[in-house]
Protein backbone atom coordinates (compact mmCIF):
# COMPACT_ATOMS: atom_id res chain seq x y z
CA MET A 1 -27.63 -80.49 -50.58
CA THR A 2 -28.15 -78.70 -52.70
CA ILE A 3 -26.45 -78.12 -56.77
CA ALA A 4 -26.27 -75.29 -58.88
CA LEU A 5 -23.92 -73.88 -61.57
CA ASP A 6 -22.96 -69.55 -61.24
CA SER A 7 -22.64 -67.47 -64.44
CA THR A 8 -18.97 -69.29 -65.59
CA GLY A 9 -20.82 -72.67 -64.98
CA ALA A 10 -18.58 -73.43 -62.00
CA PRO A 11 -20.43 -76.18 -59.95
CA PHE A 12 -21.36 -75.18 -56.28
CA VAL A 13 -23.43 -77.24 -53.68
CA ALA A 14 -24.59 -76.35 -50.10
CA TYR A 15 -25.03 -79.15 -47.71
CA TYR A 16 -25.58 -80.41 -44.45
CA ASP A 17 -21.93 -80.93 -43.48
CA VAL A 18 -22.24 -83.66 -40.35
CA THR A 19 -18.84 -82.63 -39.41
CA LEU A 20 -19.65 -79.82 -38.58
CA GLY A 21 -22.94 -80.55 -36.72
CA GLY A 22 -24.77 -80.16 -39.81
CA LYS A 23 -24.80 -76.84 -40.29
CA LEU A 24 -24.41 -74.86 -43.12
CA THR A 25 -21.29 -75.32 -46.05
CA ILE A 26 -20.65 -74.64 -49.23
CA GLN A 27 -18.43 -75.91 -51.69
CA LYS A 28 -17.30 -74.62 -55.37
CA PHE A 29 -15.45 -76.70 -57.65
CA ALA A 30 -12.58 -75.86 -59.42
CA ALA A 31 -9.69 -76.61 -60.52
CA GLY A 32 -9.91 -80.48 -60.23
CA SER A 33 -10.97 -80.09 -56.80
CA TRP A 34 -13.59 -78.63 -54.21
CA THR A 35 -13.00 -75.87 -51.88
CA VAL A 36 -14.80 -74.42 -49.08
CA VAL A 37 -16.72 -70.90 -49.78
CA GLY A 38 -16.33 -68.45 -47.46
CA THR A 39 -17.28 -69.41 -44.01
CA PRO A 40 -17.66 -73.62 -43.42
CA GLY A 41 -20.79 -74.45 -41.32
CA PHE A 42 -21.92 -70.46 -41.64
CA SER A 43 -25.44 -71.53 -40.70
CA ALA A 44 -26.87 -70.86 -36.71
CA GLY A 45 -28.00 -74.65 -36.36
CA ILE A 46 -28.91 -77.90 -38.31
CA THR A 47 -30.02 -77.31 -41.84
CA GLU A 48 -32.77 -78.70 -44.50
CA PHE A 49 -34.26 -77.52 -47.30
CA HIS A 50 -31.57 -76.05 -49.32
CA SER A 51 -31.66 -73.99 -52.63
CA LEU A 52 -28.91 -72.17 -53.88
CA ALA A 53 -29.15 -69.40 -56.09
CA PHE A 54 -26.78 -66.08 -57.22
CA ASP A 55 -26.60 -62.50 -57.55
CA THR A 56 -25.72 -60.54 -60.60
CA THR A 57 -21.80 -60.15 -59.29
CA GLY A 58 -21.45 -64.46 -58.91
CA THR A 59 -22.42 -64.35 -54.81
CA PRO A 60 -23.64 -67.58 -53.29
CA PHE A 61 -27.22 -67.16 -52.09
CA VAL A 62 -29.02 -69.88 -50.14
CA ALA A 63 -32.12 -70.50 -48.52
CA TYR A 64 -32.61 -73.23 -45.86
CA SER A 65 -34.74 -74.10 -43.00
CA ASP A 66 -32.63 -74.07 -39.83
CA SER A 67 -33.20 -75.39 -36.53
CA GLY A 68 -31.02 -72.72 -34.90
CA ASN A 69 -33.76 -70.21 -35.92
CA GLY A 70 -37.13 -71.97 -34.58
CA ASN A 71 -36.55 -74.87 -37.79
CA ARG A 72 -37.89 -71.05 -39.73
CA ALA A 73 -36.84 -70.96 -43.47
CA THR A 74 -33.33 -68.47 -43.30
CA VAL A 75 -31.77 -67.22 -46.65
CA GLN A 76 -27.94 -65.98 -45.88
CA LYS A 77 -24.92 -64.76 -48.83
CA ASN A 78 -21.62 -66.75 -48.03
CA GLY A 79 -18.71 -65.67 -50.33
């Protein structure tokens, strides 16, 4: 799991979602609760080593190792 703040200071987390077979999910904390950003479990397979960052428009990008991609490094946007 990794956590990062966007340009407004809102926290986001990217994590191995056990309820979705270890695939990657991103959530944002706003108005007192966590909400999924984009599609939950959007990776091809089980993920590890998450790194989360934002582009200049605030879109979250995550880099990770994806078992569904031969454990290669993968970078995707989700938002």
